[in-house]
Amino acid sequence: MPSLKVSAPDWQRPRVVSLFKRITTIGSSPDCDVVIGSGGLGPVHANIHFDGNRFTVNAVERRYVVEVNGRKVQAHRLSHGDEIRLGPAVCVFRLYDEPADDEQRRMHEVRLDGLRKMVEF
């Protein structure tokens, strides 16, 4: 499933957000799908639009800076691995699922182990 791996200065770890909606909003407002309250972002700073075929990142207003792979853009068709910078936050667009890291595998195994124990009970 397409996703964004979002890193912000005040977060201890990056977060992965699945892109399952036609329009995913990103900004400082709690009403956004991806809320980044690190400062430097507008209430609704940008959105990612899926038209059924491709994903595009769009600055909601001209005054909001959106960079893709180091270049300022107002709109940009996204490709797997593109780096999107929104103020102090960095998002990496993933069109394809990433393999799980060791910690995710361990958490998955712990959950499965718990389910197995419940079934065996």
PDB file of N, CA and C in Angstrom:
ATOM      1  N   MET A   1       0.846  -1.175   0.000  1.00  0.00           N
ATOM      2  CA  MET A   1       0.000   0.000   0.000  1.00  0.00           C
ATOM      3  C   MET A   1       0.893   1.240   0.000  1.00  0.00           C
ATOM      4  N   PRO A   2       0.576   2.217  -0.806  1.00  0.00           N
ATOM      5  CA  PRO A   2       1.351   3.460  -0.809  1.00  0.00           C
ATOM      6  C   PRO A   2       1.349   4.107   0.573  1.00  0.00           C
ATOM      7  N   SER A   3       2.475   4.740   0.907  1.00  0.00           N
ATOM      8  CA  SER A   3       2.597   5.331   2.243  1.00  0.00           C
ATOM      9  C   SER A   3       3.591   6.482   2.241  1.00  0.00           C
ATOM     10  N   LEU A   4       3.573   7.211   3.357  1.00  0.00           N
ATOM     11  CA  LEU A   4       4.558   8.257   3.632  1.00  0.00           C
ATOM     12  C   LEU A   4       5.273   7.879   4.914  1.00  0.00           C
ATOM     13  N   LYS A   5       6.585   7.959   4.898  1.00  0.00           N
ATOM     14  CA  LYS A   5       7.365   7.815   6.126  1.00  0.00           C
ATOM     15  C   LYS A   5       7.712   9.236   6.542  1.00  0.00           C
ATOM     16  N   VAL A   6       7.129   9.678   7.653  1.00  0.00           N
ATOM     17  CA  VAL A   6       7.217  11.078   8.074  1.00  0.00           C
ATOM     18  C   VAL A   6       8.145  11.208   9.274  1.00  0.00           C
ATOM     19  N   SER A   7       9.129  12.112   9.168  1.00  0.00           N
ATOM     20  CA  SER A   7      10.045  12.421  10.272  1.00  0.00           C
ATOM     21  C   SER A   7       9.909  13.896  10.603  1.00  0.00           C
ATOM     22  N   ALA A   8       9.752  14.195  11.885  1.00  0.00           N
ATOM     23  CA  ALA A   8       9.667  15.584  12.348  1.00  0.00           C
ATOM     24  C   ALA A   8      10.617  15.749  13.524  1.00  0.00           C
ATOM     25  N   PRO A   9      11.182  16.959  13.707  1.00  0.00           N
ATOM     26  CA  PRO A   9      12.184  17.179  14.758  1.00  0.00           C
ATOM     27  C   PRO A   9      11.723  16.818  16.162  1.00  0.00           C
ATOM     28  N   ASP A  10      10.442  17.014  16.469  1.00  0.00           N
ATOM     29  CA  ASP A  10       9.982  16.749  17.831  1.00  0.00           C
ATOM     30  C   ASP A  10       9.448  15.326  18.022  1.00  0.00           C
ATOM     31  N   TRP A  11       9.620  14.462  17.037  1.00  0.00           N
ATOM     32  CA  TRP A  11       9.212  13.066  17.151  1.00  0.00           C
ATOM     33  C   TRP A  11      10.437  12.212  17.423  1.00  0.00           C
ATOM     34  N   GLN A  12      10.298  11.220  18.271  1.00  0.00           N
ATOM     35  CA  GLN A  12      11.420  10.329  18.550  1.00  0.00           C
ATOM     36  C   GLN A  12      11.681   9.386  17.381  1.00  0.00           C
ATOM     37  N   ARG A  13      10.616   8.983  16.706  1.00  0.00           N
ATOM     38  CA  ARG A  13      10.747   8.038  15.601  1.00  0.00           C
ATOM     39  C   ARG A  13       9.900   8.495  14.427  1.00  0.00           C
ATOM     40  N   PRO A  14      10.309   8.115  13.238  1.00  0.00           N
ATOM     41  CA  PRO A  14       9.454   8.397  12.078  1.00  0.00           C
ATOM     42  C   PRO A  14       8.140   7.623  12.188  1.00  0.00           C
ATOM     43  N   ARG A  15       7.116   8.146  11.541  1.00  0.00           N
ATOM     44  CA  ARG A  15       5.817   7.477  11.500  1.00  0.00           C
ATOM     45  C   ARG A  15       5.503   7.122  10.052  1.00  0.00           C
ATOM     46  N   VAL A  16       4.886   5.996   9.867  1.00  0.00           N
ATOM     47  CA  VAL A  16       4.468   5.581   8.532  1.00  0.00           C
ATOM     48  C   VAL A  16       2.958   5.763   8.434  1.00  0.00           C
ATOM     49  N   VAL A  17       2.540   6.505   7.415  1.00  0.00           N
ATOM     50  CA  VAL A  17       1.128   6.816   7.207  1.00  0.00           C
ATOM     51  C   VAL A  17       0.692   6.204   5.878  1.00  0.00           C
ATOM     52  N   SER A  18      -0.302   5.332   5.916  1.00  0.00           N
ATOM     53  CA  SER A  18      -0.832   4.731   4.690  1.00  0.00           C
ATOM     54  C   SER A  18      -1.643   5.762   3.918  1.00  0.00           C
ATOM     55  N   LEU A  19      -1.486   5.756   2.610  1.00  0.00           N
ATOM     56  CA  LEU A  19      -2.209   6.693   1.745  1.00  0.00           C
ATOM     57  C   LEU A  19      -3.365   5.943   1.085  1.00  0.00           C
ATOM     58  N   PHE A  20      -4.481   5.846   1.791  1.00  0.00           N
ATOM     59  CA  PHE A  20      -5.623   5.088   1.295  1.00  0.00           C
ATOM     60  C   PHE A  20      -6.762   5.991   0.836  1.00  0.00           C
ATOM     61  N   LYS A  21      -6.651   7.297   1.100  1.00  0.00           N
ATOM     62  CA  LYS A  21      -7.698   8.243   0.714  1.00  0.00           C
ATOM     63  C   LYS A  21      -7.353   8.879  -0.629  1.00  0.00           C
ATOM     64  N   ARG A  22      -8.367   9.391  -1.294  1.00  0.00           N
ATOM     65  CA  ARG A  22      -8.144  10.087  -2.563  1.00  0.00           C
ATOM     66  C   ARG A  22      -7.325  11.360  -2.348  1.00  0.00           C
ATOM     67  N   ILE A  23      -7.618  12.080  -1.256  1.00  0.00           N
ATOM     68  CA  ILE A  23      -6.855  13.278  -0.905  1.00  0.00           C
ATOM     69  C   ILE A  23      -6.432  13.155   0.552  1.00  0.00           C
ATOM     70  N   THR A  24      -5.132  13.209   0.790  1.00  0.00           N
ATOM     71  CA  THR A  24      -4.565  13.155   2.136  1.00  0.00           C
ATOM     72  C   THR A  24      -4.014  14.533   2.455  1.00  0.00           C
ATOM     73  N   THR A  25      -4.501  15.152   3.535  1.00  0.00           N
ATOM     74  CA  THR A  25      -4.053  16.494   3.904  1.00  0.00           C
ATOM     75  C   THR A  25      -2.917  16.417   4.917  1.00  0.00           C
ATOM     76  N   ILE A  26      -1.988  17.374   4.796  1.00  0.00           N
ATOM     77  CA  ILE A  26      -0.819  17.447   5.674  1.00  0.00           C
ATOM     78  C   ILE A  26      -0.700  18.876   6.177  1.00  0.00           C
ATOM     79  N   GLY A  27      -0.551  19.044   7.496  1.00  0.00           N
ATOM     80  CA  GLY A  27      -0.392  20.386   8.048  1.00  0.00           C
ATOM     81  C   GLY A  27      -0.390  20.370   9.555  1.00  0.00           C
ATOM     82  N   SER A  28      -0.505  21.563  10.134  1.00  0.00           N
ATOM     83  CA  SER A  28      -0.453  21.696  11.594  1.00  0.00           C
ATOM     84  C   SER A  28      -1.831  21.581  12.246  1.00  0.00           C
ATOM     85  N   SER A  29      -2.893  21.642  11.464  1.00  0.00           N
ATOM     86  CA  SER A  29      -4.248  21.556  12.017  1.00  0.00           C
ATOM     87  C   SER A  29      -4.553  20.129  12.468  1.00  0.00           C
ATOM     88  N   PRO A  30      -5.211  19.988  13.628  1.00  0.00           N
ATOM     89  CA  PRO A  30      -5.600  18.645  14.071  1.00  0.00           C
ATOM     90  C   PRO A  30      -6.617  17.983  13.139  1.00  0.00           C
ATOM     91  N   ASP A  31      -7.197  18.756  12.231  1.00  0.00           N
ATOM     92  CA  ASP A  31      -8.145  18.201  11.264  1.00  0.00           C
ATOM     93  C   ASP A  31      -7.462  17.536  10.074  1.00  0.00           C
ATOM     94  N   CYS A  32      -6.144  17.704   9.945  1.00  0.00           N
ATOM     95  CA  CYS A  32      -5.408  17.098   8.831  1.00  0.00           C
ATOM     96  C   CYS A  32      -5.262  15.595   9.037  1.00  0.00           C
ATOM     97  N   ASP A  33      -5.083  14.887   7.938  1.00  0.00           N
ATOM     98  CA  ASP A  33      -4.831  13.446   8.004  1.00  0.00           C
ATOM     99  C   ASP A  33      -3.452  13.165   8.589  1.00  0.00           C
ATOM    100  N   VAL A  34      -2.477  14.004   8.239  1.00  0.00           N
ATOM    101  CA  VAL A  34      -1.121  13.905   8.786  1.00  0.00           C
ATOM    102  C   VAL A  34      -0.849  15.216   9.512  1.00  0.00           C
ATOM    103  N   VAL A  35      -0.810  15.158  10.839  1.00  0.00           N
ATOM    104  CA  VAL A  35      -0.625  16.358  11.657  1.00  0.00           C
ATOM    105  C   VAL A  35       0.841  16.469  12.044  1.00  0.00           C
ATOM    106  N   ILE A  36       1.456  17.606  11.669  1.00  0.00           N
ATOM    107  CA  ILE A  36       2.848  17.886  12.018  1.00  0.00           C
ATOM    108  C   ILE A  36       2.854  19.223  12.736  1.00  0.00           C
ATOM    109  N   GLY A  37       2.982  19.184  14.040  1.00  0.00           N
ATOM    110  CA  GLY A  37       2.902  20.397  14.844  1.00  0.00           C
ATOM    111  C   GLY A  37       4.247  20.980  15.200  1.00  0.00           C
ATOM    112  N   SER A  38       5.254  20.758  14.375  1.00  0.00           N
ATOM    113  CA  SER A  38       6.618  21.197  14.683  1.00  0.00           C
ATOM    114  C   SER A  38       6.857  22.677  14.438  1.00  0.00           C
ATOM    115  N   GLY A  39       5.891  23.393  13.917  1.00  0.00           N
ATOM    116  CA  GLY A  39       6.093  24.793  13.553  1.00  0.00           C
ATOM    117  C   GLY A  39       6.574  24.877  12.116  1.00  0.00           C
ATOM    118  N   GLY A  40       6.318  26.002  11.498  1.00  0.00           N
ATOM    119  CA  GLY A  40       6.764  26.201  10.129  1.00  0.00           C
ATOM    120  C   GLY A  40       5.818  25.637   9.080  1.00  0.00           C
ATOM    121  N   LEU A  41       4.689  25.093   9.509  1.00  0.00           N
ATOM    122  CA  LEU A  41       3.710  24.564   8.565  1.00  0.00           C
ATOM    123  C   LEU A  41       2.401  25.316   8.708  1.00  0.00           C
ATOM    124  N   GLY A  42       1.704  25.477   7.586  1.00  0.00           N
ATOM    125  CA  GLY A  42       0.383  26.074   7.623  1.00  0.00           C
ATOM    126  C   GLY A  42      -0.627  25.071   8.157  1.00  0.00           C
ATOM    127  N   PRO A  43      -1.815  25.546   8.525  1.00  0.00           N
ATOM    128  CA  PRO A  43      -2.842  24.641   9.048  1.00  0.00           C
ATOM    129  C   PRO A  43      -3.108  23.465   8.097  1.00  0.00           C
ATOM    130  N   VAL A  44      -3.308  23.758   6.823  1.00  0.00           N
ATOM    131  CA  VAL A  44      -3.350  22.725   5.780  1.00  0.00           C
ATOM    132  C   VAL A  44      -2.290  23.155   4.772  1.00  0.00           C
ATOM    133  N   HIS A  45      -1.105  22.606   4.917  1.00  0.00           N
ATOM    134  CA  HIS A  45       0.076  23.049   4.179  1.00  0.00           C
ATOM    135  C   HIS A  45       0.111  22.454   2.768  1.00  0.00           C
ATOM    136  N   ALA A  46      -0.178  21.162   2.689  1.00  0.00           N
ATOM    137  CA  ALA A  46      -0.093  20.455   1.411  1.00  0.00           C
ATOM    138  C   ALA A  46      -1.090  19.308   1.416  1.00  0.00           C
ATOM    139  N   ASN A  47      -1.278  18.739   0.224  1.00  0.00           N
ATOM    140  CA  ASN A  47      -2.067  17.515   0.154  1.00  0.00           C
ATOM    141  C   ASN A  47      -1.441  16.580  -0.866  1.00  0.00           C
ATOM    142  N   ILE A  48      -1.779  15.325  -0.715  1.00  0.00           N
ATOM    143  CA  ILE A  48      -1.370  14.326  -1.699  1.00  0.00           C
ATOM    144  C   ILE A  48      -2.653  13.809  -2.323  1.00  0.00           C
ATOM    145  N   HIS A  49      -2.733  13.958  -3.634  1.00  0.00           N
ATOM    146  CA  HIS A  49      -3.934  13.602  -4.383  1.00  0.00           C
ATOM    147  C   HIS A  49      -3.662  12.338  -5.198  1.00  0.00           C
ATOM    148  N   PHE A  50      -4.571  11.365  -5.113  1.00  0.00           N
ATOM    149  CA  PHE A  50      -4.495  10.159  -5.936  1.00  0.00           C
ATOM    150  C   PHE A  50      -5.649  10.201  -6.924  1.00  0.00           C
ATOM    151  N   ASP A  51      -5.332  10.220  -8.208  1.00  0.00           N
ATOM    152  CA  ASP A  51      -6.375  10.334  -9.231  1.00  0.00           C
ATOM    153  C   ASP A  51      -6.819   8.980  -9.787  1.00  0.00           C
ATOM    154  N   GLY A  52      -6.410   7.915  -9.130  1.00  0.00           N
ATOM    155  CA  GLY A  52      -6.734   6.577  -9.608  1.00  0.00           C
ATOM    156  C   GLY A  52      -5.597   5.959 -10.391  1.00  0.00           C
ATOM    157  N   ASN A  53      -4.614   6.792 -10.743  1.00  0.00           N
ATOM    158  CA  ASN A  53      -3.479   6.333 -11.534  1.00  0.00           C
ATOM    159  C   ASN A  53      -2.145   6.765 -10.944  1.00  0.00           C
ATOM    160  N   ARG A  54      -2.101   7.989 -10.440  1.00  0.00           N
ATOM    161  CA  ARG A  54      -0.834   8.523  -9.918  1.00  0.00           C
ATOM    162  C   ARG A  54      -1.082   9.407  -8.700  1.00  0.00           C
ATOM    163  N   PHE A  55      -0.002   9.605  -7.933  1.00  0.00           N
ATOM    164  CA  PHE A  55      -0.032  10.452  -6.741  1.00  0.00           C
ATOM    165  C   PHE A  55       0.667  11.765  -7.060  1.00  0.00           C
ATOM    166  N   THR A  56       0.073  12.865  -6.589  1.00  0.00           N
ATOM    167  CA  THR A  56       0.652  14.191  -6.784  1.00  0.00           C
ATOM    168  C   THR A  56       0.630  14.930  -5.457  1.00  0.00           C
ATOM    169  N   VAL A  57       1.764  15.559  -5.096  1.00  0.00           N
ATOM    170  CA  VAL A  57       1.794  16.415  -3.913  1.00  0.00           C
ATOM    171  C   VAL A  57       1.552  17.842  -4.386  1.00  0.00           C
ATOM    172  N   ASN A  58       0.734  18.580  -3.636  1.00  0.00           N
ATOM    173  CA  ASN A  58       0.363  19.950  -3.997  1.00  0.00           C
ATOM    174  C   ASN A  58       0.502  20.867  -2.796  1.00  0.00           C
ATOM    175  N   ALA A  59       1.098  22.035  -3.000  1.00  0.00           N
ATOM    176  CA  ALA A  59       1.064  23.079  -1.974  1.00  0.00           C
ATOM    177  C   ALA A  59      -0.348  23.655  -2.003  1.00  0.00           C
ATOM    178  N   VAL A  60      -0.975  23.805  -0.836  1.00  0.00           N
ATOM    179  CA  VAL A  60      -2.353  24.284  -0.783  1.00  0.00           C
ATOM    180  C   VAL A  60      -2.429  25.772  -1.125  1.00  0.00           C
ATOM    181  N   GLU A  61      -1.423  26.525  -0.686  1.00  0.00           N
ATOM    182  CA  GLU A  61      -1.339  27.951  -1.021  1.00  0.00           C
ATOM    183  C   GLU A  61       0.060  28.238  -1.548  1.00  0.00           C
ATOM    184  N   ARG A  62       0.169  29.263  -2.375  1.00  0.00           N
ATOM    185  CA  ARG A  62       1.462  29.626  -2.954  1.00  0.00           C
ATOM    186  C   ARG A  62       2.516  29.959  -1.908  1.00  0.00           C
ATOM    187  N   ARG A  63       2.087  30.500  -0.787  1.00  0.00           N
ATOM    188  CA  ARG A  63       3.055  30.911   0.236  1.00  0.00           C
ATOM    189  C   ARG A  63       3.631  29.725   1.007  1.00  0.00           C
ATOM    190  N   TYR A  64       3.020  28.557   0.905  1.00  0.00           N
ATOM    191  CA  TYR A  64       3.519  27.371   1.611  1.00  0.00           C
ATOM    192  C   TYR A  64       4.574  26.673   0.758  1.00  0.00           C
ATOM    193  N   VAL A  65       5.735  26.482   1.354  1.00  0.00           N
ATOM    194  CA  VAL A  65       6.858  25.881   0.628  1.00  0.00           C
ATOM    195  C   VAL A  65       6.772  24.359   0.714  1.00  0.00           C
ATOM    196  N   VAL A  66       6.829  23.750  -0.453  1.00  0.00           N
ATOM    197  CA  VAL A  66       6.912  22.296  -0.575  1.00  0.00           C
ATOM    198  C   VAL A  66       8.118  22.013  -1.460  1.00  0.00           C
ATOM    199  N   GLU A  67       9.013  21.169  -0.976  1.00  0.00           N
ATOM    200  CA  GLU A  67      10.179  20.769  -1.767  1.00  0.00           C
ATOM    201  C   GLU A  67      10.107  19.276  -2.029  1.00  0.00           C
ATOM    202  N   VAL A  68      10.405  18.892  -3.252  1.00  0.00           N
ATOM    203  CA  VAL A  68      10.508  17.476  -3.601  1.00  0.00           C
ATOM    204  C   VAL A  68      11.908  17.253  -4.152  1.00  0.00           C
ATOM    205  N   ASN A  69      12.638  16.379  -3.492  1.00  0.00           N
ATOM    206  CA  ASN A  69      14.017  16.073  -3.875  1.00  0.00           C
ATOM    207  C   ASN A  69      14.868  17.338  -4.011  1.00  0.00           C
ATOM    208  N   GLY A  70      14.657  18.281  -3.076  1.00  0.00           N
ATOM    209  CA  GLY A  70      15.467  19.494  -3.024  1.00  0.00           C
ATOM    210  C   GLY A  70      15.006  20.637  -3.910  1.00  0.00           C
ATOM    211  N   ARG A  71      13.912  20.469  -4.642  1.00  0.00           N
ATOM    212  CA  ARG A  71      13.418  21.538  -5.526  1.00  0.00           C
ATOM    213  C   ARG A  71      12.051  22.023  -5.058  1.00  0.00           C
ATOM    214  N   LYS A  72      11.884  23.348  -4.999  1.00  0.00           N
ATOM    215  CA  LYS A  72      10.586  23.912  -4.616  1.00  0.00           C
ATOM    216  C   LYS A  72       9.573  23.650  -5.726  1.00  0.00           C
ATOM    217  N   VAL A  73       8.373  23.232  -5.311  1.00  0.00           N
ATOM    218  CA  VAL A  73       7.319  22.922  -6.279  1.00  0.00           C
ATOM    219  C   VAL A  73       5.978  23.429  -5.754  1.00  0.00           C
ATOM    220  N   GLN A  74       5.050  23.638  -6.655  1.00  0.00           N
ATOM    221  CA  GLN A  74       3.657  23.888  -6.286  1.00  0.00           C
ATOM    222  C   GLN A  74       2.859  22.595  -6.428  1.00  0.00           C
ATOM    223  N   ALA A  75       3.250  21.792  -7.415  1.00  0.00           N
ATOM    224  CA  ALA A  75       2.647  20.477  -7.629  1.00  0.00           C
ATOM    225  C   ALA A  75       3.717  19.587  -8.245  1.00  0.00           C
ATOM    226  N   HIS A  76       3.694  18.313  -7.860  1.00  0.00           N
ATOM    227  CA  HIS A  76       4.712  17.394  -8.375  1.00  0.00           C
ATOM    228  C   HIS A  76       4.157  15.975  -8.373  1.00  0.00           C
ATOM    229  N   ARG A  77       4.278  15.306  -9.510  1.00  0.00           N
ATOM    230  CA  ARG A  77       3.886  13.895  -9.596  1.00  0.00           C
ATOM    231  C   ARG A  77       4.922  13.073  -8.837  1.00  0.00           C
ATOM    232  N   LEU A  78       4.454  12.254  -7.907  1.00  0.00           N
ATOM    233  CA  LEU A  78       5.364  11.519  -7.032  1.00  0.00           C
ATOM    234  C   LEU A  78       5.786  10.183  -7.626  1.00  0.00           C
ATOM    235  N   SER A  79       7.043   9.836  -7.353  1.00  0.00           N
ATOM    236  CA  SER A  79       7.608   8.539  -7.708  1.00  0.00           C
ATOM    237  C   SER A  79       8.100   7.874  -6.435  1.00  0.00           C
ATOM    238  N   HIS A  80       8.196   6.561  -6.464  1.00  0.00           N
ATOM    239  CA  HIS A  80       8.671   5.804  -5.306  1.00  0.00           C
ATOM    240  C   HIS A  80      10.021   6.356  -4.835  1.00  0.00           C
ATOM    241  N   GLY A  81      10.116   6.666  -3.544  1.00  0.00           N
ATOM    242  CA  GLY A  81      11.365   7.144  -2.958  1.00  0.00           C
ATOM    243  C   GLY A  81      11.534   8.652  -2.951  1.00  0.00           C
ATOM    244  N   ASP A  82      10.601   9.400  -3.531  1.00  0.00           N
ATOM    245  CA  ASP A  82      10.710  10.864  -3.517  1.00  0.00           C
ATOM    246  C   ASP A  82      10.721  11.382  -2.078  1.00  0.00           C
ATOM    247  N   GLU A  83      11.589  12.377  -1.833  1.00  0.00           N
ATOM    248  CA  GLU A  83      11.670  13.013  -0.519  1.00  0.00           C
ATOM    249  C   GLU A  83      10.932  14.344  -0.577  1.00  0.00           C
ATOM    250  N   ILE A  84       9.949  14.497   0.298  1.00  0.00           N
ATOM    251  CA  ILE A  84       9.129  15.707   0.356  1.00  0.00           C
ATOM    252  C   ILE A  84       9.478  16.436   1.643  1.00  0.00           C
ATOM    253  N   ARG A  85       9.885  17.710   1.521  1.00  0.00           N
ATOM    254  CA  ARG A  85      10.200  18.517   2.703  1.00  0.00           C
ATOM    255  C   ARG A  85       9.103  19.564   2.869  1.00  0.00           C
ATOM    256  N   LEU A  86       8.515  19.561   4.078  1.00  0.00           N
ATOM    257  CA  LEU A  86       7.470  20.519   4.443  1.00  0.00           C
ATOM    258  C   LEU A  86       7.931  21.186   5.722  1.00  0.00           C
ATOM    259  N   GLY A  87       8.470  22.390   5.624  1.00  0.00           N
ATOM    260  CA  GLY A  87       9.034  23.037   6.810  1.00  0.00           C
ATOM    261  C   GLY A  87      10.127  22.150   7.381  1.00  0.00           C
ATOM    262  N   PRO A  88      10.077  21.861   8.681  1.00  0.00           N
ATOM    263  CA  PRO A  88      11.116  21.045   9.304  1.00  0.00           C
ATOM    264  C   PRO A  88      10.891  19.534   9.133  1.00  0.00           C
ATOM    265  N   ALA A  89       9.770  19.152   8.555  1.00  0.00           N
ATOM    266  CA  ALA A  89       9.440  17.726   8.416  1.00  0.00           C
ATOM    267  C   ALA A  89       9.908  17.182   7.069  1.00  0.00           C
ATOM    268  N   VAL A  90      10.300  15.919   7.086  1.00  0.00           N
ATOM    269  CA  VAL A  90      10.706  15.226   5.866  1.00  0.00           C
ATOM    270  C   VAL A  90       9.820  13.996   5.714  1.00  0.00           C
ATOM    271  N   CYS A  91       9.247  13.852   4.532  1.00  0.00           N
ATOM    272  CA  CYS A  91       8.391  12.701   4.228  1.00  0.00           C
ATOM    273  C   CYS A  91       8.999  11.966   3.037  1.00  0.00           C
ATOM    274  N   VAL A  92       9.026  10.660   3.111  1.00  0.00           N
ATOM    275  CA  VAL A  92       9.486   9.852   1.985  1.00  0.00           C
ATOM    276  C   VAL A  92       8.280   9.094   1.447  1.00  0.00           C
ATOM    277  N   PHE A  93       8.006   9.286   0.159  1.00  0.00           N
ATOM    278  CA  PHE A  93       6.870   8.632  -0.487  1.00  0.00           C
ATOM    279  C   PHE A  93       7.262   7.221  -0.889  1.00  0.00           C
ATOM    280  N   ARG A  94       6.421   6.268  -0.522  1.00  0.00           N
ATOM    281  CA  ARG A  94       6.637   4.867  -0.878  1.00  0.00           C
ATOM    282  C   ARG A  94       5.412   4.373  -1.645  1.00  0.00           C
ATOM    283  N   LEU A  95       5.626   4.022  -2.882  1.00  0.00           N
ATOM    284  CA  LEU A  95       4.544   3.469  -3.686  1.00  0.00           C
ATOM    285  C   LEU A  95       4.327   2.005  -3.331  1.00  0.00           C
ATOM    286  N   TYR A  96       5.408   1.341  -2.938  1.00  0.00           N
ATOM    287  CA  TYR A  96       5.367  -0.085  -2.609  1.00  0.00           C
ATOM    288  C   TYR A  96       5.653  -0.273  -1.132  1.00  0.00           C
ATOM    289  N   ASP A  97       5.175  -1.383  -0.580  1.00  0.00           N
ATOM    290  CA  ASP A  97       5.442  -1.698   0.821  1.00  0.00           C
ATOM    291  C   ASP A  97       6.934  -1.901   1.035  1.00  0.00           C
ATOM    292  N   GLU A  98       7.407  -1.407   2.159  1.00  0.00           N
ATOM    293  CA  GLU A  98       8.797  -1.610   2.555  1.00  0.00           C
ATOM    294  C   GLU A  98       8.891  -2.897   3.359  1.00  0.00           C
ATOM    295  N   PRO A  99       9.998  -3.623   3.224  1.00  0.00           N
ATOM    296  CA  PRO A  99      10.148  -4.797   4.081  1.00  0.00           C
ATOM    297  C   PRO A  99      10.217  -4.366   5.542  1.00  0.00           C
ATOM    298  N   ALA A 100       9.675  -5.182   6.412  1.00  0.00           N
ATOM    299  CA  ALA A 100       9.664  -4.862   7.841  1.00  0.00           C
ATOM    300  C   ALA A 100      11.081  -4.869   8.395  1.00  0.00           C
ATOM    301  N   ASP A 101      11.365  -3.932   9.301  1.00  0.00           N
ATOM    302  CA  ASP A 101      12.670  -3.941   9.958  1.00  0.00           C
ATOM    303  C   ASP A 101      12.630  -4.950  11.105  1.00  0.00           C
ATOM    304  N   ASP A 102      13.772  -5.168  11.750  1.00  0.00           N
ATOM    305  CA  ASP A 102      13.873  -6.181  12.804  1.00  0.00           C
ATOM    306  C   ASP A 102      12.882  -5.937  13.938  1.00  0.00           C
ATOM    307  N   GLU A 103      12.736  -4.678  14.351  1.00  0.00           N
ATOM    308  CA  GLU A 103      11.824  -4.378  15.463  1.00  0.00           C
ATOM    309  C   GLU A 103      10.380  -4.688  15.087  1.00  0.00           C
ATOM    310  N   GLN A 104       9.990  -4.347  13.866  1.00  0.00           N
ATOM    311  CA  GLN A 104       8.629  -4.639  13.423  1.00  0.00           C
ATOM    312  C   GLN A 104       8.392  -6.145  13.369  1.00  0.00           C
ATOM    313  N   ARG A 105       9.403  -6.895  12.911  1.00  0.00           N
ATOM    314  CA  ARG A 105       9.272  -8.354  12.876  1.00  0.00           C
ATOM    315  C   ARG A 105       9.099  -8.919  14.279  1.00  0.00           C
ATOM    316  N   ARG A 106       9.889  -8.414  15.237  1.00  0.00           N
ATOM    317  CA  ARG A 106       9.779  -8.889  16.618  1.00  0.00           C
ATOM    318  C   ARG A 106       8.394  -8.589  17.190  1.00  0.00           C
ATOM    319  N   MET A 107       7.889  -7.384  16.944  1.00  0.00           N
ATOM    320  CA  MET A 107       6.555  -7.026  17.440  1.00  0.00           C
ATOM    321  C   MET A 107       5.492  -7.939  16.824  1.00  0.00           C
ATOM    322  N   HIS A 108       5.632  -8.228  15.545  1.00  0.00           N
ATOM    323  CA  HIS A 108       4.696  -9.113  14.859  1.00  0.00           C
ATOM    324  C   HIS A 108       4.745 -10.514  15.471  1.00  0.00           C
ATOM    325  N   GLU A 109       5.954 -11.007  15.732  1.00  0.00           N
ATOM    326  CA  GLU A 109       6.109 -12.332  16.344  1.00  0.00           C
ATOM    327  C   GLU A 109       5.492 -12.375  17.741  1.00  0.00           C
ATOM    328  N   VAL A 110       5.671 -11.309  18.522  1.00  0.00           N
ATOM    329  CA  VAL A 110       5.086 -11.254  19.867  1.00  0.00           C
ATOM    330  C   VAL A 110       3.564 -11.320  19.775  1.00  0.00           C
ATOM    331  N   ARG A 111       2.991 -10.579  18.837  1.00  0.00           N
ATOM    332  CA  ARG A 111       1.534 -10.606  18.657  1.00  0.00           C
ATOM    333  C   ARG A 111       1.055 -11.996  18.248  1.00  0.00           C
ATOM    334  N   LEU A 112       1.774 -12.602  17.288  1.00  0.00           N
ATOM    335  CA  LEU A 112       1.399 -13.945  16.851  1.00  0.00           C
ATOM    336  C   LEU A 112       1.513 -14.951  17.986  1.00  0.00           C
ATOM    337  N   ASP A 113       2.562 -14.826  18.786  1.00  0.00           N
ATOM    338  CA  ASP A 113       2.759 -15.727  19.918  1.00  0.00           C
ATOM    339  C   ASP A 113       1.586 -15.605  20.898  1.00  0.00           C
ATOM    340  N   GLY A 114       1.159 -14.374  21.164  1.00  0.00           N
ATOM    341  CA  GLY A 114       0.020 -14.144  22.047  1.00  0.00           C
ATOM    342  C   GLY A 114      -1.255 -14.764  21.496  1.00  0.00           C
ATOM    343  N   LEU A 115      -1.470 -14.630  20.198  1.00  0.00           N
ATOM    344  CA  LEU A 115      -2.657 -15.228  19.577  1.00  0.00           C
ATOM    345  C   LEU A 115      -2.602 -16.750  19.642  1.00  0.00           C
ATOM    346  N   ARG A 116      -1.417 -17.317  19.406  1.00  0.00           N
ATOM    347  CA  ARG A 116      -1.270 -18.777  19.488  1.00  0.00           C
ATOM    348  C   ARG A 116      -1.610 -19.276  20.891  1.00  0.00           C
ATOM    349  N   LYS A 117      -1.133 -18.554  21.902  1.00  0.00           N
ATOM    350  CA  LYS A 117      -1.409 -18.957  23.288  1.00  0.00           C
ATOM    351  C   LYS A 117      -2.902 -18.891  23.588  1.00  0.00           C
ATOM    352  N   MET A 118      -3.584 -17.875  23.047  1.00  0.00           N
ATOM    353  CA  MET A 118      -5.029 -17.766  23.262  1.00  0.00           C
ATOM    354  C   MET A 118      -5.761 -18.935  22.610  1.00  0.00           C
ATOM    355  N   VAL A 119      -5.341 -19.322  21.416  1.00  0.00           N
ATOM    356  CA  VAL A 119      -5.989 -20.418  20.698  1.00  0.00           C
ATOM    357  C   VAL A 119      -5.744 -21.740  21.422  1.00  0.00           C
ATOM    358  N   GLU A 120      -4.530 -21.919  21.943  1.00  0.00           N
ATOM    359  CA  GLU A 120      -4.180 -23.162  22.632  1.00  0.00           C
ATOM    360  C   GLU A 120      -4.869 -23.278  23.983  1.00  0.00           C
ATOM    361  N   PHE A 121      -5.286 -22.172  24.556  1.00  0.00           N
ATOM    362  CA  PHE A 121      -5.914 -22.160  25.875  1.00  0.00           C
ATOM    363  C   PHE A 121      -7.236 -22.838  25.770  1.00  0.00           C
TER     364      PHE A 121
END
